[in-house]
Amino acid sequence: MSKVTTILQYIITAIGTISGLYATVKLGIYGMAHMEKNPQKVEQARDGLKNVAIGLLITIAAAAIISWLKAA
C-alpha cells in the first residue's frame, strides 16, 4: 500500500507543479493583455484570469483532498 501512496504522491506533486507553471505563464499573458487599450482584449483577459484562478483553486482542493484521504 505504501508503494501506491508514494506513486500517488509523485503524481499529485507533478500535476501541482505543471499546473503552477502553466498558471504562472497564463497569468503573465493575461496580465499583459489586461494592460491593452482594446476593451475586447481586456474583457478576454479578465475571463482568462478568472479561469486561471478557478483552475488553481481546483488543483489546491484536489491536493487537500488527497492529503486528507492519505491521512485517514
PDB file of N, CA and C in Angstrom:
ATOM      1  N   MET A   1       0.821  -1.200   0.000  1.00  0.00           N
ATOM      2  CA  MET A   1       0.000   0.000   0.000  1.00  0.00           C
ATOM      3  C   MET A   1       0.856   1.252   0.000  1.00  0.00           C
ATOM      4  N   SER A   2       2.007   1.202   0.653  1.00  0.00           N
ATOM      5  CA  SER A   2       2.848   2.395   0.723  1.00  0.00           C
ATOM      6  C   SER A   2       3.430   2.738  -0.647  1.00  0.00           C
ATOM      7  N   LYS A   3       3.631   1.720  -1.497  1.00  0.00           N
ATOM      8  CA  LYS A   3       4.142   1.986  -2.841  1.00  0.00           C
ATOM      9  C   LYS A   3       3.098   2.744  -3.663  1.00  0.00           C
ATOM     10  N   VAL A   4       1.842   2.369  -3.523  1.00  0.00           N
ATOM     11  CA  VAL A   4       0.757   3.064  -4.220  1.00  0.00           C
ATOM     12  C   VAL A   4       0.649   4.499  -3.718  1.00  0.00           C
ATOM     13  N   THR A   5       0.761   4.676  -2.422  1.00  0.00           N
ATOM     14  CA  THR A   5       0.698   6.017  -1.837  1.00  0.00           C
ATOM     15  C   THR A   5       1.849   6.878  -2.332  1.00  0.00           C
ATOM     16  N   THR A   6       3.030   6.300  -2.423  1.00  0.00           N
ATOM     17  CA  THR A   6       4.191   7.040  -2.909  1.00  0.00           C
ATOM     18  C   THR A   6       4.001   7.449  -4.361  1.00  0.00           C
ATOM     19  N   ILE A   7       3.505   6.550  -5.175  1.00  0.00           N
ATOM     20  CA  ILE A   7       3.266   6.864  -6.588  1.00  0.00           C
ATOM     21  C   ILE A   7       2.214   7.957  -6.714  1.00  0.00           C
ATOM     22  N   LEU A   8       1.132   7.850  -5.945  1.00  0.00           N
ATOM     23  CA  LEU A   8       0.104   8.891  -5.969  1.00  0.00           C
ATOM     24  C   LEU A   8       0.664  10.241  -5.536  1.00  0.00           C
ATOM     25  N   GLN A   9       1.532  10.235  -4.543  1.00  0.00           N
ATOM     26  CA  GLN A   9       2.132  11.485  -4.078  1.00  0.00           C
ATOM     27  C   GLN A   9       2.997  12.107  -5.174  1.00  0.00           C
ATOM     28  N   TYR A  10       3.767  11.295  -5.900  1.00  0.00           N
ATOM     29  CA  TYR A  10       4.574  11.813  -7.006  1.00  0.00           C
ATOM     30  C   TYR A  10       3.693  12.379  -8.117  1.00  0.00           C
ATOM     31  N   ILE A  11       2.597  11.698  -8.414  1.00  0.00           N
ATOM     32  CA  ILE A  11       1.687  12.169  -9.462  1.00  0.00           C
ATOM     33  C   ILE A  11       1.059  13.495  -9.059  1.00  0.00           C
ATOM     34  N   ILE A  12       0.595  13.593  -7.828  1.00  0.00           N
ATOM     35  CA  ILE A  12      -0.018  14.840  -7.348  1.00  0.00           C
ATOM     36  C   ILE A  12       0.999  15.976  -7.356  1.00  0.00           C
ATOM     37  N   THR A  13       2.230  15.690  -6.949  1.00  0.00           N
ATOM     38  CA  THR A  13       3.273  16.715  -6.965  1.00  0.00           C
ATOM     39  C   THR A  13       3.557  17.173  -8.386  1.00  0.00           C
ATOM     40  N   ALA A  14       3.629  16.236  -9.326  1.00  0.00           N
ATOM     41  CA  ALA A  14       3.888  16.595 -10.722  1.00  0.00           C
ATOM     42  C   ALA A  14       2.748  17.427 -11.294  1.00  0.00           C
ATOM     43  N   ILE A  15       1.522  17.032 -11.021  1.00  0.00           N
ATOM     44  CA  ILE A  15       0.368  17.779 -11.523  1.00  0.00           C
ATOM     45  C   ILE A  15       0.339  19.176 -10.915  1.00  0.00           C
ATOM     46  N   GLY A  16       0.625  19.282  -9.636  1.00  0.00           N
ATOM     47  CA  GLY A  16       0.665  20.590  -8.983  1.00  0.00           C
ATOM     48  C   GLY A  16       1.742  21.488  -9.562  1.00  0.00           C
ATOM     49  N   THR A  17       2.904  20.914  -9.836  1.00  0.00           N
ATOM     50  CA  THR A  17       3.998  21.690 -10.418  1.00  0.00           C
ATOM     51  C   THR A  17       3.656  22.158 -11.820  1.00  0.00           C
ATOM     52  N   ILE A  18       3.128  21.262 -12.634  1.00  0.00           N
ATOM     53  CA  ILE A  18       2.767  21.619 -14.007  1.00  0.00           C
ATOM     54  C   ILE A  18       1.664  22.669 -14.016  1.00  0.00           C
ATOM     55  N   SER A  19       0.650  22.489 -13.182  1.00  0.00           N
ATOM     56  CA  SER A  19      -0.441  23.468 -13.165  1.00  0.00           C
ATOM     57  C   SER A  19       0.033  24.813 -12.632  1.00  0.00           C
ATOM     58  N   GLY A  20       0.950  24.807 -11.686  1.00  0.00           N
ATOM     59  CA  GLY A  20       1.501  26.061 -11.180  1.00  0.00           C
ATOM     60  C   GLY A  20       2.302  26.805 -12.236  1.00  0.00           C
ATOM     61  N   LEU A  21       3.117  26.081 -12.980  1.00  0.00           N
ATOM     62  CA  LEU A  21       3.883  26.705 -14.061  1.00  0.00           C
ATOM     63  C   LEU A  21       2.964  27.235 -15.155  1.00  0.00           C
ATOM     64  N   TYR A  22       1.964  26.440 -15.512  1.00  0.00           N
ATOM     65  CA  TYR A  22       1.008  26.863 -16.535  1.00  0.00           C
ATOM     66  C   TYR A  22       0.256  28.113 -16.081  1.00  0.00           C
ATOM     67  N   ALA A  23      -0.159  28.121 -14.827  1.00  0.00           N
ATOM     68  CA  ALA A  23      -0.888  29.278 -14.295  1.00  0.00           C
ATOM     69  C   ALA A  23      -0.007  30.521 -14.283  1.00  0.00           C
ATOM     70  N   THR A  24       1.262  30.353 -13.957  1.00  0.00           N
ATOM     71  CA  THR A  24       2.177  31.494 -13.955  1.00  0.00           C
ATOM     72  C   THR A  24       2.314  32.091 -15.346  1.00  0.00           C
ATOM     73  N   VAL A  25       2.477  31.233 -16.333  1.00  0.00           N
ATOM     74  CA  VAL A  25       2.605  31.712 -17.719  1.00  0.00           C
ATOM     75  C   VAL A  25       1.315  32.393 -18.167  1.00  0.00           C
ATOM     76  N   LYS A  26       0.190  31.760 -17.901  1.00  0.00           N
ATOM     77  CA  LYS A  26      -1.090  32.340 -18.328  1.00  0.00           C
ATOM     78  C   LYS A  26      -1.387  33.646 -17.597  1.00  0.00           C
ATOM     79  N   LEU A  27      -1.043  33.733 -16.318  1.00  0.00           N
ATOM     80  CA  LEU A  27      -1.242  34.985 -15.589  1.00  0.00           C
ATOM     81  C   LEU A  27      -0.413  36.104 -16.207  1.00  0.00           C
ATOM     82  N   GLY A  28       0.801  35.788 -16.626  1.00  0.00           N
ATOM     83  CA  GLY A  28       1.632  36.785 -17.295  1.00  0.00           C
ATOM     84  C   GLY A  28       1.034  37.232 -18.615  1.00  0.00           C
ATOM     85  N   ILE A  29       0.558  36.280 -19.395  1.00  0.00           N
ATOM     86  CA  ILE A  29      -0.040  36.601 -20.694  1.00  0.00           C
ATOM     87  C   ILE A  29      -1.311  37.419 -20.511  1.00  0.00           C
ATOM     88  N   TYR A  30      -2.174  36.983 -19.612  1.00  0.00           N
ATOM     89  CA  TYR A  30      -3.426  37.717 -19.388  1.00  0.00           C
ATOM     90  C   TYR A  30      -3.177  39.069 -18.731  1.00  0.00           C
ATOM     91  N   GLY A  31      -2.152  39.153 -17.901  1.00  0.00           N
ATOM     92  CA  GLY A  31      -1.809  40.436 -17.294  1.00  0.00           C
ATOM     93  C   GLY A  31      -1.357  41.445 -18.338  1.00  0.00           C
ATOM     94  N   MET A  32      -0.569  40.990 -19.301  1.00  0.00           N
ATOM     95  CA  MET A  32      -0.133  41.877 -20.388  1.00  0.00           C
ATOM     96  C   MET A  32      -1.331  42.287 -21.246  1.00  0.00           C
ATOM     97  N   ALA A  33      -2.220  41.350 -21.518  1.00  0.00           N
ATOM     98  CA  ALA A  33      -3.399  41.665 -22.327  1.00  0.00           C
ATOM     99  C   ALA A  33      -4.327  42.622 -21.582  1.00  0.00           C
ATOM    100  N   HIS A  34      -4.335  42.540 -20.265  1.00  0.00           N
ATOM    101  CA  HIS A  34      -5.208  43.407 -19.470  1.00  0.00           C
ATOM    102  C   HIS A  34      -4.763  44.865 -19.543  1.00  0.00           C
ATOM    103  N   MET A  35      -3.496  45.097 -19.859  1.00  0.00           N
ATOM    104  CA  MET A  35      -2.971  46.461 -19.934  1.00  0.00           C
ATOM    105  C   MET A  35      -3.234  47.130 -21.284  1.00  0.00           C
ATOM    106  N   GLU A  36      -3.807  46.392 -22.231  1.00  0.00           N
ATOM    107  CA  GLU A  36      -4.075  46.970 -23.547  1.00  0.00           C
ATOM    108  C   GLU A  36      -5.273  47.903 -23.491  1.00  0.00           C
ATOM    109  N   LYS A  37      -5.379  48.723 -24.515  1.00  0.00           N
ATOM    110  CA  LYS A  37      -6.472  49.701 -24.556  1.00  0.00           C
ATOM    111  C   LYS A  37      -7.724  49.150 -25.230  1.00  0.00           C
ATOM    112  N   ASN A  38      -7.590  48.039 -25.912  1.00  0.00           N
ATOM    113  CA  ASN A  38      -8.728  47.433 -26.598  1.00  0.00           C
ATOM    114  C   ASN A  38      -9.664  46.799 -25.557  1.00  0.00           C
ATOM    115  N   PRO A  39     -10.893  47.320 -25.423  1.00  0.00           N
ATOM    116  CA  PRO A  39     -11.814  46.792 -24.396  1.00  0.00           C
ATOM    117  C   PRO A  39     -12.139  45.309 -24.573  1.00  0.00           C
ATOM    118  N   GLN A  40     -12.167  44.843 -25.814  1.00  0.00           N
ATOM    119  CA  GLN A  40     -12.480  43.433 -26.055  1.00  0.00           C
ATOM    120  C   GLN A  40     -11.356  42.537 -25.503  1.00  0.00           C
ATOM    121  N   LYS A  41     -10.107  42.942 -25.711  1.00  0.00           N
ATOM    122  CA  LYS A  41      -8.985  42.155 -25.193  1.00  0.00           C
ATOM    123  C   LYS A  41      -8.922  42.210 -23.670  1.00  0.00           C
ATOM    124  N   VAL A  42      -9.293  43.354 -23.107  1.00  0.00           N
ATOM    125  CA  VAL A  42      -9.313  43.479 -21.649  1.00  0.00           C
ATOM    126  C   VAL A  42     -10.366  42.537 -21.068  1.00  0.00           C
ATOM    127  N   GLU A  43     -11.519  42.459 -21.699  1.00  0.00           N
ATOM    128  CA  GLU A  43     -12.581  41.554 -21.232  1.00  0.00           C
ATOM    129  C   GLU A  43     -12.137  40.097 -21.344  1.00  0.00           C
ATOM    130  N   GLN A  44     -11.468  39.749 -22.449  1.00  0.00           N
ATOM    131  CA  GLN A  44     -10.957  38.386 -22.604  1.00  0.00           C
ATOM    132  C   GLN A  44      -9.908  38.079 -21.534  1.00  0.00           C
ATOM    133  N   ALA A  45      -9.078  39.076 -21.227  1.00  0.00           N
ATOM    134  CA  ALA A  45      -8.056  38.879 -20.196  1.00  0.00           C
ATOM    135  C   ALA A  45      -8.702  38.662 -18.831  1.00  0.00           C
ATOM    136  N   ARG A  46      -9.750  39.401 -18.523  1.00  0.00           N
ATOM    137  CA  ARG A  46     -10.448  39.212 -17.238  1.00  0.00           C
ATOM    138  C   ARG A  46     -11.037  37.809 -17.139  1.00  0.00           C
ATOM    139  N   ASP A  47     -11.652  37.357 -18.238  1.00  0.00           N
ATOM    140  CA  ASP A  47     -12.197  35.999 -18.244  1.00  0.00           C
ATOM    141  C   ASP A  47     -11.082  34.968 -18.058  1.00  0.00           C
ATOM    142  N   GLY A  48      -9.966  35.192 -18.741  1.00  0.00           N
ATOM    143  CA  GLY A  48      -8.838  34.276 -18.612  1.00  0.00           C
ATOM    144  C   GLY A  48      -8.279  34.250 -17.203  1.00  0.00           C
ATOM    145  N   LEU A  49      -8.155  35.425 -16.585  1.00  0.00           N
ATOM    146  CA  LEU A  49      -7.665  35.490 -15.205  1.00  0.00           C
ATOM    147  C   LEU A  49      -8.604  34.753 -14.254  1.00  0.00           C
ATOM    148  N   LYS A  50      -9.900  34.900 -14.498  1.00  0.00           N
ATOM    149  CA  LYS A  50     -10.886  34.199 -13.667  1.00  0.00           C
ATOM    150  C   LYS A  50     -10.733  32.686 -13.836  1.00  0.00           C
ATOM    151  N   ASN A  51     -10.545  32.233 -15.069  1.00  0.00           N
ATOM    152  CA  ASN A  51     -10.396  30.800 -15.324  1.00  0.00           C
ATOM    153  C   ASN A  51      -9.125  30.239 -14.689  1.00  0.00           C
ATOM    154  N   VAL A  52      -8.039  31.010 -14.741  1.00  0.00           N
ATOM    155  CA  VAL A  52      -6.792  30.565 -14.112  1.00  0.00           C
ATOM    156  C   VAL A  52      -6.983  30.441 -12.602  1.00  0.00           C
ATOM    157  N   ALA A  53      -7.650  31.401 -11.999  1.00  0.00           N
ATOM    158  CA  ALA A  53      -7.894  31.351 -10.552  1.00  0.00           C
ATOM    159  C   ALA A  53      -8.742  30.135 -10.183  1.00  0.00           C
ATOM    160  N   ILE A  54      -9.761  29.859 -10.970  1.00  0.00           N
ATOM    161  CA  ILE A  54     -10.610  28.686 -10.708  1.00  0.00           C
ATOM    162  C   ILE A  54      -9.795  27.402 -10.846  1.00  0.00           C
ATOM    163  N   GLY A  55      -8.964  27.330 -11.867  1.00  0.00           N
ATOM    164  CA  GLY A  55      -8.117  26.156 -12.061  1.00  0.00           C
ATOM    165  C   GLY A  55      -7.159  25.930 -10.907  1.00  0.00           C
ATOM    166  N   LEU A  56      -6.568  27.011 -10.410  1.00  0.00           N
ATOM    167  CA  LEU A  56      -5.670  26.882  -9.262  1.00  0.00           C
ATOM    168  C   LEU A  56      -6.420  26.430  -8.015  1.00  0.00           C
ATOM    169  N   LEU A  57      -7.619  26.953  -7.819  1.00  0.00           N
ATOM    170  CA  LEU A  57      -8.416  26.527  -6.664  1.00  0.00           C
ATOM    171  C   LEU A  57      -8.762  25.043  -6.744  1.00  0.00           C
ATOM    172  N   ILE A  58      -9.091  24.574  -7.936  1.00  0.00           N
ATOM    173  CA  ILE A  58      -9.402  23.151  -8.115  1.00  0.00           C
ATOM    174  C   ILE A  58      -8.173  22.300  -7.820  1.00  0.00           C
ATOM    175  N   THR A  59      -7.012  22.734  -8.303  1.00  0.00           N
ATOM    176  CA  THR A  59      -5.779  21.990  -8.061  1.00  0.00           C
ATOM    177  C   THR A  59      -5.445  21.936  -6.576  1.00  0.00           C
ATOM    178  N   ILE A  60      -5.584  23.062  -5.891  1.00  0.00           N
ATOM    179  CA  ILE A  60      -5.299  23.107  -4.453  1.00  0.00           C
ATOM    180  C   ILE A  60      -6.300  22.246  -3.686  1.00  0.00           C
ATOM    181  N   ALA A  61      -7.571  22.302  -4.078  1.00  0.00           N
ATOM    182  CA  ALA A  61      -8.588  21.484  -3.412  1.00  0.00           C
ATOM    183  C   ALA A  61      -8.317  19.996  -3.626  1.00  0.00           C
ATOM    184  N   ALA A  62      -7.911  19.623  -4.831  1.00  0.00           N
ATOM    185  CA  ALA A  62      -7.610  18.215  -5.103  1.00  0.00           C
ATOM    186  C   ALA A  62      -6.436  17.738  -4.256  1.00  0.00           C
ATOM    187  N   ALA A  63      -5.412  18.567  -4.136  1.00  0.00           N
ATOM    188  CA  ALA A  63      -4.260  18.196  -3.306  1.00  0.00           C
ATOM    189  C   ALA A  63      -4.668  18.074  -1.841  1.00  0.00           C
ATOM    190  N   ALA A  64      -5.535  18.959  -1.382  1.00  0.00           N
ATOM    191  CA  ALA A  64      -6.000  18.895   0.006  1.00  0.00           C
ATOM    192  C   ALA A  64      -6.827  17.636   0.249  1.00  0.00           C
ATOM    193  N   ILE A  65      -7.668  17.284  -0.693  1.00  0.00           N
ATOM    194  CA  ILE A  65      -8.492  16.076  -0.552  1.00  0.00           C
ATOM    195  C   ILE A  65      -7.613  14.831  -0.528  1.00  0.00           C
ATOM    196  N   ILE A  66      -6.617  14.782  -1.416  1.00  0.00           N
ATOM    197  CA  ILE A  66      -5.707  13.635  -1.441  1.00  0.00           C
ATOM    198  C   ILE A  66      -4.944  13.530  -0.122  1.00  0.00           C
ATOM    199  N   SER A  67      -4.484  14.660   0.402  1.00  0.00           N
ATOM    200  CA  SER A  67      -3.774  14.643   1.688  1.00  0.00           C
ATOM    201  C   SER A  67      -4.692  14.172   2.813  1.00  0.00           C
ATOM    202  N   TRP A  68      -5.935  14.616   2.777  1.00  0.00           N
ATOM    203  CA  TRP A  68      -6.900  14.205   3.800  1.00  0.00           C
ATOM    204  C   TRP A  68      -7.160  12.699   3.715  1.00  0.00           C
ATOM    205  N   LEU A  69      -7.337  12.189   2.488  1.00  0.00           N
ATOM    206  CA  LEU A  69      -7.573  10.756   2.318  1.00  0.00           C
ATOM    207  C   LEU A  69      -6.346   9.943   2.724  1.00  0.00           C
ATOM    208  N   LYS A  70      -5.188  10.486   2.449  1.00  0.00           N
ATOM    209  CA  LYS A  70      -3.954   9.791   2.801  1.00  0.00           C
ATOM    210  C   LYS A  70      -3.793   9.691   4.318  1.00  0.00           C
ATOM    211  N   ALA A  71      -4.222  10.736   5.027  1.00  0.00           N
ATOM    212  CA  ALA A  71      -4.108  10.743   6.486  1.00  0.00           C
ATOM    213  C   ALA A  71      -5.153   9.847   7.150  1.00  0.00           C
ATOM    214  N   ALA A  72      -6.263   9.619   6.476  1.00  0.00           N
ATOM    215  CA  ALA A  72      -7.351   8.837   7.081  1.00  0.00           C
ATOM    216  C   ALA A  72      -7.075   7.356   7.080  1.00  0.00           C
TER     217      ALA A  72
END
